Structure formats: structure tokens, C-alpha cells
C-alpha atoms as a PDB file:
ATOM      1  CA  MET A   1      -8.049  -7.097  32.722  1.00  0.00           C
ATOM      2  CA  GLN A   2      -5.634  -5.356  30.861  1.00  0.00           C
ATOM      3  CA  GLU A   3      -7.796  -2.713  28.393  1.00  0.00           C
ATOM      4  CA  LYS A   4      -6.852  -3.030  25.081  1.00  0.00           C
ATOM      5  CA  VAL A   5      -4.535  -0.980  22.948  1.00  0.00           C
ATOM      6  CA  ASP A   6      -5.729  -0.292  19.492  1.00  0.00           C
ATOM      7  CA  LEU A   7      -3.060   0.183  16.837  1.00  0.00           C
ATOM      8  CA  TYR A   8      -4.894   1.344  14.577  1.00  0.00           C
ATOM      9  CA  PRO A   9      -7.046   3.750  15.657  1.00  0.00           C
ATOM     10  CA  SER A  10      -9.822   5.146  12.438  1.00  0.00           C
ATOM     11  CA  ARG A  11     -12.689   7.024  12.523  1.00  0.00           C
ATOM     12  CA  VAL A  12     -11.949   9.112  15.823  1.00  0.00           C
ATOM     13  CA  LYS A  13     -11.456  12.012  14.683  1.00  0.00           C
ATOM     14  CA  GLU A  14     -12.850  15.133  12.239  1.00  0.00           C
ATOM     15  CA  THR A  15      -9.613  14.811   9.634  1.00  0.00           C
ATOM     16  CA  ALA A  16      -7.342  12.139   8.216  1.00  0.00           C
ATOM     17  CA  THR A  17      -4.439  11.000   9.348  1.00  0.00           C
ATOM     18  CA  ILE A  18      -1.249   8.615   7.954  1.00  0.00           C
ATOM     19  CA  MET A  19       0.961   6.561   9.994  1.00  0.00           C
ATOM     20  CA  GLU A  20       3.754   4.280   9.055  1.00  0.00           C
ATOM     21  CA  ARG A  21       2.721   0.210   9.703  1.00  0.00           C
ATOM     22  CA  LYS A  22       3.579  -1.337  13.060  1.00  0.00           C
ATOM     23  CA  ASP A  23       3.370  -4.929  11.252  1.00  0.00           C
ATOM     24  CA  PRO A  24       5.800  -7.261   8.978  1.00  0.00           C
ATOM     25  CA  ILE A  25       4.615  -7.110   5.960  1.00  0.00           C
ATOM     26  CA  VAL A  26       5.620 -11.344   4.986  1.00  0.00           C
ATOM     27  CA  TYR A  27       5.616 -13.168   7.869  1.00  0.00           C
ATOM     28  CA  SER A  28       7.863 -16.310   6.470  1.00  0.00           C
ATOM     29  CA  ARG A  29      10.225 -16.406   4.661  1.00  0.00           C
ATOM     30  CA  GLU A  30      11.624 -20.630   4.526  1.00  0.00           C
ATOM     31  CA  LYS A  31      10.528 -22.392   1.862  1.00  0.00           C
ATOM     32  CA  GLY A  32       7.502 -22.479   0.091  1.00  0.00           C
ATOM     33  CA  PRO A  33       5.611 -21.917  -3.225  1.00  0.00           C
ATOM     34  CA  LEU A  34       6.293 -18.682  -3.942  1.00  0.00           C
ATOM     35  CA  ASP A  35       9.919 -18.282  -4.972  1.00  0.00           C
ATOM     36  CA  ARG A  36      12.666 -15.190  -3.444  1.00  0.00           C
ATOM     37  CA  GLU A  37      11.822 -12.847  -6.551  1.00  0.00           C
ATOM     38  CA  GLU A  38       7.855 -13.115  -6.514  1.00  0.00           C
ATOM     39  CA  LEU A  39       8.161 -12.799  -2.095  1.00  0.00           C
ATOM     40  CA  ALA A  40      10.527  -9.352  -2.797  1.00  0.00           C
ATOM     41  CA  PHE A  41       7.460  -7.902  -5.066  1.00  0.00           C
ATOM     42  CA  TYR A  42       4.720  -8.531  -2.637  1.00  0.00           C
ATOM     43  CA  GLU A  43       6.488  -6.973   0.049  1.00  0.00           C
ATOM     44  CA  ALA A  44       7.875  -4.323  -2.013  1.00  0.00           C
ATOM     45  CA  ASN A  45       4.372  -3.875  -3.736  1.00  0.00           C
ATOM     46  CA  GLY A  46       1.631  -4.618  -1.407  1.00  0.00           C
ATOM     47  CA  TYR A  47       0.448  -7.717  -4.003  1.00  0.00           C
ATOM     48  CA  VAL A  48       2.156 -10.312  -6.347  1.00  0.00           C
ATOM     49  CA  MET A  49      -0.002 -11.932  -9.444  1.00  0.00           C
ATOM     50  CA  LEU A  50       0.572 -15.591 -10.529  1.00  0.00           C
ATOM     51  CA  GLU A  51      -0.135 -15.305 -13.803  1.00  0.00           C
ATOM     52  CA  ARG A  52      -2.460 -19.392 -15.022  1.00  0.00           C
ATOM     53  CA  LEU A  53      -1.996 -20.623 -11.431  1.00  0.00           C
ATOM     54  CA  PHE A  54      -5.218 -22.706 -12.683  1.00  0.00           C
ATOM     55  CA  GLN A  55      -5.438 -24.342 -15.883  1.00  0.00           C
ATOM     56  CA  GLU A  56      -7.518 -23.895 -19.197  1.00  0.00           C
ATOM     57  CA  ASP A  57      -9.482 -27.193 -18.435  1.00  0.00           C
ATOM     58  CA  GLU A  58     -10.313 -25.481 -14.538  1.00  0.00           C
ATOM     59  CA  VAL A  59     -10.900 -22.715 -15.894  1.00  0.00           C
ATOM     60  CA  GLN A  60     -13.671 -24.147 -17.679  1.00  0.00           C
ATOM     61  CA  VAL A  61     -15.115 -25.749 -14.047  1.00  0.00           C
ATOM     62  CA  MET A  62     -15.003 -22.518 -12.974  1.00  0.00           C
ATOM     63  CA  ALA A  63     -16.906 -21.436 -15.415  1.00  0.00           C
ATOM     64  CA  ASN A  64     -19.434 -23.194 -15.138  1.00  0.00           C
ATOM     65  CA  GLN A  65     -19.977 -23.098 -11.135  1.00  0.00           C
ATOM     66  CA  LEU A  66     -20.014 -19.485 -11.727  1.00  0.00           C
ATOM     67  CA  ASP A  67     -22.704 -19.650 -13.619  1.00  0.00           C
ATOM     68  CA  GLU A  68     -24.342 -22.044 -11.145  1.00  0.00           C
ATOM     69  CA  VAL A  69     -24.156 -19.384  -8.825  1.00  0.00           C
ATOM     70  CA  MET A  70     -25.415 -16.329 -10.704  1.00  0.00           C
ATOM     71  CA  LYS A  71     -28.413 -18.811 -11.831  1.00  0.00           C
ATOM     72  CA  GLN A  72     -29.352 -19.669  -7.832  1.00  0.00           C
ATOM     73  CA  ASN A  73     -28.571 -16.352  -6.332  1.00  0.00           C
ATOM     74  CA  GLN A  74     -30.122 -13.950  -9.506  1.00  0.00           C
ATOM     75  CA  GLU A  75     -33.802 -14.308  -7.226  1.00  0.00           C
ATOM     76  CA  ARG A  76     -32.652 -14.956  -3.966  1.00  0.00           C
ATOM     77  CA  ASP A  77     -33.630 -12.241  -1.629  1.00  0.00           C
ATOM     78  CA  SER A  78     -31.019 -12.660   1.289  1.00  0.00           C
ATOM     79  CA  ASP A  79     -28.404 -10.316   2.550  1.00  0.00           C
ATOM     80  CA  GLU A  80     -25.472 -12.580   1.562  1.00  0.00           C
ATOM     81  CA  VAL A  81     -26.502 -11.844  -1.753  1.00  0.00           C
ATOM     82  CA  ILE A  82     -25.393  -7.645  -3.145  1.00  0.00           C
ATOM     83  CA  LYS A  83     -27.355  -6.125  -6.030  1.00  0.00           C
ATOM     84  CA  GLU A  84     -26.247  -3.192  -7.081  1.00  0.00           C
ATOM     85  CA  PRO A  85     -27.262   0.229  -6.335  1.00  0.00           C
ATOM     86  CA  ASP A  86     -29.083   1.184  -8.907  1.00  0.00           C
ATOM     87  CA  SER A  87     -30.624  -2.288 -10.103  1.00  0.00           C
ATOM     88  CA  ASN A  88     -31.185  -6.695 -10.142  1.00  0.00           C
ATOM     89  CA  GLU A  89     -27.653  -7.075 -11.153  1.00  0.00           C
ATOM     90  CA  ILE A  90     -26.383  -9.313  -8.554  1.00  0.00           C
ATOM     91  CA  ARG A  91     -23.012  -7.263  -7.042  1.00  0.00           C
ATOM     92  CA  SER A  92     -21.593  -9.613  -4.576  1.00  0.00           C
ATOM     93  CA  VAL A  93     -22.158 -13.382  -3.422  1.00  0.00           C
ATOM     94  CA  PHE A  94     -20.851 -13.893   0.312  1.00  0.00           C
ATOM     95  CA  GLU A  95     -19.653 -16.805   2.383  1.00  0.00           C
ATOM     96  CA  VAL A  96     -19.250 -18.863  -0.477  1.00  0.00           C
ATOM     97  CA  HIS A  97     -16.634 -21.101   0.957  1.00  0.00           C
ATOM     98  CA  LYS A  98     -19.518 -22.336   3.312  1.00  0.00           C
ATOM     99  CA  ASP A  99     -21.784 -24.210   0.324  1.00  0.00           C
ATOM    100  CA  ASN A 100     -20.889 -27.558   1.025  1.00  0.00           C
ATOM    101  CA  GLY A 101     -19.845 -28.021  -2.878  1.00  0.00           C
ATOM    102  CA  PHE A 102     -16.914 -26.735  -5.469  1.00  0.00           C
ATOM    103  CA  PHE A 103     -16.669 -23.475  -3.848  1.00  0.00           C
ATOM    104  CA  GLU A 104     -15.395 -24.896  -0.310  1.00  0.00           C
ATOM    105  CA  MET A 105     -13.085 -27.583  -1.643  1.00  0.00           C
ATOM    106  CA  LEU A 106     -11.453 -25.067  -3.999  1.00  0.00           C
ATOM    107  CA  SER A 107     -10.686 -22.205  -0.575  1.00  0.00           C
ATOM    108  CA  LYS A 108      -9.339 -25.237   0.579  1.00  0.00           C
ATOM    109  CA  HIS A 109      -6.627 -26.033  -2.743  1.00  0.00           C
ATOM    110  CA  GLU A 110      -2.919 -26.651  -1.473  1.00  0.00           C
ATOM    111  CA  ARG A 111      -2.703 -24.662  -4.207  1.00  0.00           C
ATOM    112  CA  ILE A 112      -3.501 -21.778  -3.036  1.00  0.00           C
ATOM    113  CA  VAL A 113      -3.819 -22.049   1.033  1.00  0.00           C
ATOM    114  CA  ALA A 114      -0.156 -23.052   1.080  1.00  0.00           C
ATOM    115  CA  ILE A 115       1.099 -19.397  -0.252  1.00  0.00           C
ATOM    116  CA  ALA A 116      -1.280 -18.071   1.921  1.00  0.00           C
ATOM    117  CA  GLU A 117       0.623 -19.687   4.883  1.00  0.00           C
ATOM    118  CA  GLN A 118       4.193 -18.480   3.814  1.00  0.00           C
ATOM    119  CA  LEU A 119       2.981 -14.722   3.529  1.00  0.00           C
ATOM    120  CA  LEU A 120       0.877 -15.231   7.399  1.00  0.00           C
ATOM    121  CA  GLY A 121       3.979 -17.625   8.446  1.00  0.00           C
ATOM    122  CA  SER A 122       1.132 -19.608  10.738  1.00  0.00           C
ATOM    123  CA  GLN A 123      -1.813 -21.939   9.496  1.00  0.00           C
ATOM    124  CA  VAL A 124      -4.829 -19.800   8.091  1.00  0.00           C
ATOM    125  CA  TYR A 125      -8.922 -19.746   7.820  1.00  0.00           C
ATOM    126  CA  ILE A 126     -10.799 -18.352   5.796  1.00  0.00           C
ATOM    127  CA  ASN A 127     -12.361 -14.728   7.112  1.00  0.00           C
ATOM    128  CA  GLN A 128     -15.019 -13.842   4.383  1.00  0.00           C
ATOM    129  CA  SER A 129     -14.675 -15.035   0.940  1.00  0.00           C
ATOM    130  CA  ARG A 130     -17.643 -13.176  -2.071  1.00  0.00           C
ATOM    131  CA  ILE A 131     -17.864 -13.792  -5.827  1.00  0.00           C
ATOM    132  CA  ASN A 132     -17.775 -10.308  -6.962  1.00  0.00           C
ATOM    133  CA  PHE A 133     -19.860  -9.801  -9.908  1.00  0.00           C
ATOM    134  CA  LYS A 134     -19.038  -7.091 -12.398  1.00  0.00           C
ATOM    135  CA  PRO A 135     -21.251  -7.595 -15.446  1.00  0.00           C
ATOM    136  CA  GLY A 136     -20.994  -5.777 -18.724  1.00  0.00           C
ATOM    137  CA  PHE A 137     -22.559  -2.010 -19.221  1.00  0.00           C
ATOM    138  CA  LYS A 138     -24.087  -3.128 -15.470  1.00  0.00           C
ATOM    139  CA  GLY A 139     -21.083  -2.996 -12.845  1.00  0.00           C
ATOM    140  CA  LYS A 140     -20.566  -0.725 -11.029  1.00  0.00           C
ATOM    141  CA  GLU A 141     -17.308   1.031  -9.485  1.00  0.00           C
ATOM    142  CA  PHE A 142     -15.372   0.466  -5.827  1.00  0.00           C
ATOM    143  CA  PHE A 143     -13.984   3.686  -4.578  1.00  0.00           C
ATOM    144  CA  TRP A 144     -10.662   3.307  -3.015  1.00  0.00           C
ATOM    145  CA  HIS A 145      -9.985   0.956   0.659  1.00  0.00           C
ATOM    146  CA  SER A 146      -7.689  -0.611   2.518  1.00  0.00           C
ATOM    147  CA  ASP A 147      -9.537  -4.196   3.846  1.00  0.00           C
ATOM    148  CA  PHE A 148      -7.881  -4.166   6.593  1.00  0.00           C
ATOM    149  CA  GLU A 149      -9.552  -0.537   7.938  1.00  0.00           C
ATOM    150  CA  THR A 150     -13.107  -1.922   7.933  1.00  0.00           C
ATOM    151  CA  TRP A 151     -12.118  -5.298   8.945  1.00  0.00           C
ATOM    152  CA  HIS A 152      -9.667  -3.536  12.024  1.00  0.00           C
ATOM    153  CA  VAL A 153     -12.365  -1.142  12.713  1.00  0.00           C
ATOM    154  CA  GLU A 154     -15.633  -2.851  12.215  1.00  0.00           C
ATOM    155  CA  ASP A 155     -14.656  -6.664  12.416  1.00  0.00           C
ATOM    156  CA  GLY A 156     -12.066  -6.191  15.513  1.00  0.00           C
ATOM    157  CA  MET A 157      -8.706  -7.818  13.349  1.00  0.00           C
ATOM    158  CA  PRO A 158      -5.625  -6.710  15.709  1.00  0.00           C
ATOM    159  CA  LYS A 159      -3.253  -6.852  13.173  1.00  0.00           C
ATOM    160  CA  MET A 160      -2.084  -7.011   9.621  1.00  0.00           C
ATOM    161  CA  ARG A 161      -2.001 -10.183   9.498  1.00  0.00           C
ATOM    162  CA  ALA A 162      -4.229 -11.360   6.131  1.00  0.00           C
ATOM    163  CA  VAL A 163      -4.316 -12.014   2.613  1.00  0.00           C
ATOM    164  CA  SER A 164      -6.852 -11.561  -0.109  1.00  0.00           C
ATOM    165  CA  CYS A 165      -6.393 -14.091  -2.577  1.00  0.00           C
ATOM    166  CA  SER A 166      -8.566 -13.166  -6.295  1.00  0.00           C
ATOM    167  CA  ILE A 167      -9.096 -15.921  -8.310  1.00  0.00           C
ATOM    168  CA  ILE A 168      -9.911 -14.556 -12.121  1.00  0.00           C
ATOM    169  CA  LEU A 169     -12.602 -16.027 -13.149  1.00  0.00           C
ATOM    170  CA  THR A 170     -13.510 -14.164 -16.414  1.00  0.00           C
ATOM    171  CA  ASP A 171     -10.154 -12.236 -18.122  1.00  0.00           C
ATOM    172  CA  ASN A 172      -9.740  -9.519 -16.943  1.00  0.00           C
ATOM    173  CA  TYR A 173      -8.569  -6.260 -19.545  1.00  0.00           C
ATOM    174  CA  GLU A 174      -8.093  -3.127 -19.032  1.00  0.00           C
ATOM    175  CA  PHE A 175     -11.553  -1.678 -19.900  1.00  0.00           C
ATOM    176  CA  ASN A 176     -14.065  -4.416 -17.992  1.00  0.00           C
ATOM    177  CA  GLY A 177     -13.520  -2.730 -14.570  1.00  0.00           C
ATOM    178  CA  PRO A 178     -10.006  -4.548 -12.963  1.00  0.00           C
ATOM    179  CA  LEU A 179      -8.487  -4.186  -9.225  1.00  0.00           C
ATOM    180  CA  MET A 180      -6.119  -1.764  -9.570  1.00  0.00           C
ATOM    181  CA  LEU A 181      -3.427  -0.705  -6.901  1.00  0.00           C
ATOM    182  CA  ILE A 182      -1.464   1.744  -5.239  1.00  0.00           C
ATOM    183  CA  PRO A 183       2.273  -0.325  -4.724  1.00  0.00           C
ATOM    184  CA  GLY A 184       3.682   0.137  -1.245  1.00  0.00           C
ATOM    185  CA  SER A 185       0.151   1.558  -0.487  1.00  0.00           C
ATOM    186  CA  HIS A 186       0.377  -1.467   2.231  1.00  0.00           C
ATOM    187  CA  LYS A 187       3.621   0.218   4.133  1.00  0.00           C
ATOM    188  CA  TRP A 188       0.857   3.153   5.113  1.00  0.00           C
ATOM    189  CA  TYR A 189      -2.105   3.228   7.255  1.00  0.00           C
ATOM    190  CA  VAL A 190      -4.687   5.762   6.612  1.00  0.00           C
ATOM    191  CA  SER A 191      -7.044   6.796   9.719  1.00  0.00           C
ATOM    192  CA  CYS A 192     -10.135   7.466   7.930  1.00  0.00           C
ATOM    193  CA  ALA A 193     -12.009  10.643   9.530  1.00  0.00           C
ATOM    194  CA  GLY A 194     -15.610  10.188  10.452  1.00  0.00           C
ATOM    195  CA  THR A 195     -17.713   7.855  12.793  1.00  0.00           C
ATOM    196  CA  THR A 196     -19.201   4.827  12.007  1.00  0.00           C
ATOM    197  CA  PRO A 197     -22.857   4.255  11.317  1.00  0.00           C
ATOM    198  CA  ASP A 198     -24.769   1.858  13.455  1.00  0.00           C
ATOM    199  CA  ASN A 199     -25.450  -1.873  10.599  1.00  0.00           C
ATOM    200  CA  HIS A 200     -23.051   0.379   8.531  1.00  0.00           C
ATOM    201  CA  TYR A 201     -22.130  -2.908   6.338  1.00  0.00           C
ATOM    202  CA  LYS A 202     -26.578  -2.870   5.107  1.00  0.00           C
ATOM    203  CA  SER A 203     -25.429   0.572   2.924  1.00  0.00           C
ATOM    204  CA  SER A 204     -21.149  -0.296   2.025  1.00  0.00           C
ATOM    205  CA  LEU A 205     -21.196  -3.632   0.142  1.00  0.00           C
ATOM    206  CA  LYS A 206     -23.319  -1.506  -2.163  1.00  0.00           C
ATOM    207  CA  GLN A 207     -21.565   1.414  -1.353  1.00  0.00           C
ATOM    208  CA  GLN A 208     -18.817   2.486   1.395  1.00  0.00           C
ATOM    209  CA  VAL A 209     -18.512   5.961   2.369  1.00  0.00           C
ATOM    210  CA  ALA A 210     -17.256   5.931   5.710  1.00  0.00           C
ATOM    211  CA  GLY A 211     -13.944   4.524   6.562  1.00  0.00           C
ATOM    212  CA  THR A 212     -12.757   5.562   2.487  1.00  0.00           C
ATOM    213  CA  PRO A 213      -9.825   7.922   2.279  1.00  0.00           C
ATOM    214  CA  ASP A 214     -10.253  11.479   1.340  1.00  0.00           C
ATOM    215  CA  HIS A 215      -8.195  12.779  -1.858  1.00  0.00           C
ATOM    216  CA  THR A 216      -5.125  14.096   0.118  1.00  0.00           C
ATOM    217  CA  SER A 217      -4.337  11.241   1.901  1.00  0.00           C
ATOM    218  CA  LEU A 218      -4.581   8.793  -1.811  1.00  0.00           C
ATOM    219  CA  GLN A 219      -3.313  11.407  -3.775  1.00  0.00           C
ATOM    220  CA  TRP A 220      -0.060  11.175  -0.543  1.00  0.00           C
ATOM    221  CA  LEU A 221       0.479   7.274  -1.680  1.00  0.00           C
ATOM    222  CA  THR A 222       0.003   7.021  -5.671  1.00  0.00           C
ATOM    223  CA  GLU A 223       3.002  10.081  -5.489  1.00  0.00           C
ATOM    224  CA  GLN A 224       4.759   7.439  -2.703  1.00  0.00           C
ATOM    225  CA  ALA A 225       5.023   5.274  -5.823  1.00  0.00           C
ATOM    226  CA  GLY A 226       6.132   7.353  -8.462  1.00  0.00           C
ATOM    227  CA  GLY A 227       2.607   8.280  -9.375  1.00  0.00           C
ATOM    228  CA  ARG A 228       2.053   4.129 -10.968  1.00  0.00           C
ATOM    229  CA  ILE A 229      -0.914   2.706 -10.396  1.00  0.00           C
ATOM    230  CA  ASP A 230      -1.099  -0.950 -10.964  1.00  0.00           C
ATOM    231  CA  ARG A 231      -3.727  -2.850 -12.917  1.00  0.00           C
ATOM    232  CA  ALA A 232      -4.677  -6.737 -11.926  1.00  0.00           C
ATOM    233  CA  THR A 233      -4.996  -7.873 -15.707  1.00  0.00           C
ATOM    234  CA  GLY A 234      -5.008 -11.868 -16.588  1.00  0.00           C
ATOM    235  CA  PRO A 235      -6.566 -14.022 -18.083  1.00  0.00           C
ATOM    236  CA  ALA A 236      -8.960 -16.702 -16.670  1.00  0.00           C
ATOM    237  CA  GLY A 237      -7.122 -19.055 -14.061  1.00  0.00           C
ATOM    238  CA  SER A 238      -4.237 -16.570 -12.640  1.00  0.00           C
ATOM    239  CA  VAL A 239      -4.374 -15.840  -8.855  1.00  0.00           C
ATOM    240  CA  LEU A 240      -3.625 -12.456  -7.256  1.00  0.00           C
ATOM    241  CA  PHE A 241      -2.911 -12.410  -3.914  1.00  0.00           C
ATOM    242  CA  PHE A 242      -2.883  -8.816  -2.552  1.00  0.00           C
ATOM    243  CA  GLU A 243      -1.896  -7.838   1.463  1.00  0.00           C
ATOM    244  CA  CYS A 244      -4.578  -7.042   3.352  1.00  0.00           C
ATOM    245  CA  ASN A 245      -3.636  -3.192   3.577  1.00  0.00           C
ATOM    246  CA  THR A 246      -3.284  -2.798   0.445  1.00  0.00           C
ATOM    247  CA  MET A 247      -5.149   0.797  -0.994  1.00  0.00           C
ATOM    248  CA  HIS A 248      -7.052  -0.830  -3.784  1.00  0.00           C
ATOM    249  CA  GLY A 249     -10.358  -0.152  -6.052  1.00  0.00           C
ATOM    250  CA  SER A 250     -11.554  -0.148  -9.491  1.00  0.00           C
ATOM    251  CA  ASN A 251     -14.268   1.684 -11.738  1.00  0.00           C
ATOM    252  CA  ALA A 252     -17.143   0.625 -13.390  1.00  0.00           C
ATOM    253  CA  ASN A 253     -17.091  -1.764 -15.784  1.00  0.00           C
ATOM    254  CA  LEU A 254     -18.645  -0.073 -19.424  1.00  0.00           C
ATOM    255  CA  SER A 255     -17.403  -2.682 -21.600  1.00  0.00           C
ATOM    256  CA  PRO A 256     -19.216  -5.576 -22.583  1.00  0.00           C
ATOM    257  CA  TYR A 257     -17.240  -8.523 -21.225  1.00  0.00           C
ATOM    258  CA  PRO A 258     -17.967  -9.099 -17.790  1.00  0.00           C
ATOM    259  CA  ARG A 259     -15.542  -9.258 -15.044  1.00  0.00           C
ATOM    260  CA  SER A 260     -15.989 -11.798 -11.917  1.00  0.00           C
ATOM    261  CA  ASN A 261     -13.083 -13.035  -9.380  1.00  0.00           C
ATOM    262  CA  VAL A 262     -13.968 -15.275  -6.396  1.00  0.00           C
ATOM    263  CA  PHE A 263     -11.838 -13.574  -3.313  1.00  0.00           C
ATOM    264  CA  PHE A 264     -10.957 -15.891  -0.308  1.00  0.00           C
ATOM    265  CA  VAL A 265     -10.007 -14.084   2.857  1.00  0.00           C
ATOM    266  CA  PHE A 266      -7.160 -15.545   4.567  1.00  0.00           C
ATOM    267  CA  ASN A 267      -6.677 -14.671   8.103  1.00  0.00           C
ATOM    268  CA  SER A 268      -3.419 -15.838  10.324  1.00  0.00           C
ATOM    269  CA  ILE A 269      -5.227 -18.316  13.174  1.00  0.00           C
ATOM    270  CA  GLU A 270      -3.005 -16.602  15.589  1.00  0.00           C
ATOM    271  CA  ASN A 271      -4.708 -13.129  14.376  1.00  0.00           C
ATOM    272  CA  GLN A 272      -8.642 -14.100  14.619  1.00  0.00           C
ATOM    273  CA  LEU A 273     -11.206 -11.578  15.229  1.00  0.00           C
ATOM    274  CA  GLN A 274     -12.349  -9.217  18.736  1.00  0.00           C
ATOM    275  CA  ALA A 275     -14.635  -6.813  20.065  1.00  0.00           C
ATOM    276  CA  PRO A 276     -14.365  -4.503  16.387  1.00  0.00           C
ATOM    277  CA  TYR A 277     -12.351  -1.343  17.392  1.00  0.00           C
ATOM    278  CA  SER A 278     -15.048   0.561  16.836  1.00  0.00           C
ATOM    279  CA  GLY A 279     -17.450  -0.075  19.929  1.00  0.00           C
ATOM    280  CA  LYS A 280     -20.112  -1.458  17.556  1.00  0.00           C
ATOM    281  CA  GLN A 281     -21.707  -4.826  17.525  1.00  0.00           C
ATOM    282  CA  PRO A 282     -19.888  -6.907  15.002  1.00  0.00           C
ATOM    283  CA  ARG A 283     -21.243  -7.036  11.888  1.00  0.00           C
ATOM    284  CA  PRO A 284     -22.906 -10.585  10.400  1.00  0.00           C
ATOM    285  CA  GLU A 285     -21.107 -13.806  10.324  1.00  0.00           C
ATOM    286  CA  PHE A 286     -21.047 -13.927   6.244  1.00  0.00           C
ATOM    287  CA  LEU A 287     -18.883 -10.956   6.478  1.00  0.00           C
ATOM    288  CA  ALA A 288     -16.356 -11.199   9.730  1.00  0.00           C
ATOM    289  CA  ASN A 289     -16.443 -15.305  10.343  1.00  0.00           C
ATOM    290  CA  ARG A 290     -16.688 -16.435  14.022  1.00  0.00           C
ATOM    291  CA  ASP A 291     -17.742 -19.159  15.208  1.00  0.00           C
ATOM    292  CA  SER A 292     -15.776 -22.367  14.959  1.00  0.00           C
ATOM    293  CA  ILE A 293     -12.559 -21.322  13.523  1.00  0.00           C
ATOM    294  CA  THR A 294     -10.004 -24.407  12.502  1.00  0.00           C
ATOM    295  CA  PRO A 295      -6.898 -24.051  10.635  1.00  0.00           C
ATOM    296  CA  ILE A 296      -7.797 -24.761   7.083  1.00  0.00           C
ATOM    297  CA  GLN A 297      -6.614 -28.657   5.991  1.00  0.00           C
ATOM    298  CA  PRO A 298      -5.246 -28.003   2.060  1.00  0.00           C
ATOM    299  CA  VAL A 299      -6.760 -30.613  -0.122  1.00  0.00           C
ATOM    300  CA  LYS A 300      -4.996 -31.413  -3.536  1.00  0.00           C
ATOM    301  CA  ASP A 301      -8.841 -32.786  -5.164  1.00  0.00           C
ATOM    302  CA  SER A 302      -9.201 -32.517  -9.102  1.00  0.00           C
ATOM    303  CA  ILE A 303     -11.028 -29.363  -9.554  1.00  0.00           C
ATOM    304  CA  ALA A 304     -13.128 -31.337 -12.066  1.00  0.00           C
ATOM    305  CA  GLN A 305     -13.648 -34.477 -10.206  1.00  0.00           C
ATOM    306  CA  HIS A 306     -14.829 -33.009  -7.401  1.00  0.00           C
ATOM    307  CA  ALA A 307     -17.331 -29.912  -9.805  1.00  0.00           C
ATOM    308  CA  HIS A 308     -18.536 -33.318 -10.969  1.00  0.00           C
ATOM    309  CA  ALA A 309     -19.347 -35.276  -8.482  1.00  0.00           C
ATOM    310  CA  THR A 310     -20.773 -32.461  -6.468  1.00  0.00           C
ATOM    311  CA  LYS A 311     -23.267 -32.718  -9.434  1.00  0.00           C
END
């Protein structure tokens, strides 16, 4: 049997190293929802923000559905529901694309799936989904990290051929803990220091330590970006697509205004998960989908009508 080659080793040394990316960034330049300028911006910066991809009436439906998810999960004790480290406030709810209802439909909506297919050059499936809540005054920070580093080491994602789609459900301001991104950081891979603890996900979803980049690497990446750190701010209904290796994080929400986004991680159907490169046991299905993987068949459902039908 041919030995599996690890193109992006991490957590194997006592010191961090930085290597160049070995995979394409944009996998298809054929006609699609994104125009030439948007594709060029994504390739250069590792993300693209599409303002008001969903209209005001659709945003209101999403807000109502968000409230329902909050109510359903507030007292729920489950691995899929992550609470803040020092309170009972919800931090994240995972696997929302399997709710047999509104968010499952939304994860398949042609408006976002077609963009993911264009960027990844293939049909796609959902590798992970979640809603991140950041309540006013209580929402904690997410430290800098590359999603791909974790997905590669802990889940066995072979290549950088995945993209996160973040739908802004509440207005994201400069002051309520919006996502921050280091533009151009997706062109480099930070091989993090240290090792991966057993069942690391049980602590990392509250506060990640293993797999986070060192300060020197973060400073170097920021210097390569000309000192820029961009913030993904915008009105509800806007959508952010960011490349799986883009270095990102967010501050705590010290404002009165909540910040909530739904994330759908689209992976190429040609980039399905293998055994974790850490040698550890795979993380649970709610974090890294492996079962019954099939390409998404995009839907054009009316968001408002679908929400009404699922009540």
C-alpha cells in the first residue's frame, strides 16, 4: 500500500515553521456567479464579501429562524451545543445543515452553492456547519487560526480545496466582534508547534490552544499583508466566503449588540476526508462529515415559503 504523503505537516516539532501553499486558490475560472474582479480579489486576499446577497425580507426570516435555534438549544446538553467557557451562554451550535428544516435548505441554496462550486472547481458537500452566537457583553473571542490546519491534522482533509461561507444574520459592526482576516495569509501555511492532545475538540471548541499560530508567525503574515488586518463587517444578509487556509479570528463582543453568523463549510467532492494526519482518532461526525457523502443538488426554494412550510 502506498504511504500517505503529508503535504502540510503540523504539530510535529517544538517550533513553528512557515511554508508556501502547494495547492491552487481558485480552481475554476469558468463563468459563474463571481465576476473576474471578485475572483481576483478572492485569490489575492483569501476572501470576498458579497453585500446583501439575501434581501431584507429574507433576512427577517433568517432572524426568526435564528431565534428558534436559540430557544431550542438554550437548555440542551449535547456535544453539538457549545457554551461559553465561563457562562451558560451559547457559543456555537453545530450540524445545523442536518436539521431537516430551514438551515438544511439554506445550506443547499443555489445562491451560495454555485459560488462554492465555482471557487472549488467541482461539486461540493458540507464538511461542517455551525451557527456562532456572540451575545452582547458576553461573547468571547476566537483566537487567530487557519481552519485548514485543524481540518488537516485532526480530520484528515488532504488539500486546501474547501471554502467557508458565512451568512451574516445580525449586522456585523466594527465593535461587536466581527471576523478579522489577514489578507494574503492563505498563500502560506503555518506549521504549528506542539502536539495534539487526545479528544482535543472537547476543549478547543471553547478555547483553542493546540493548532494556534505563534506570535512571530502572525506578525510575519501581517507584515506580508502590508500591516493590514481586514474586518468582515456588513449588514445582515451579506455573505463572506473565505478560503480554508486564511488566518482569521475575532475579538470579544463588548458592545450591547449580538453578532450571529451561520457557517457552511463547502468541501470539494474530490477532497473528502481521510484518516487524521495526527494519527489520532477522527473527530465526531458533527465536526467533520464522513458518512453518506454525496454532492449537493442545489435548490432554488423561496426562503420565506420554506420557513413557513417547516413550522
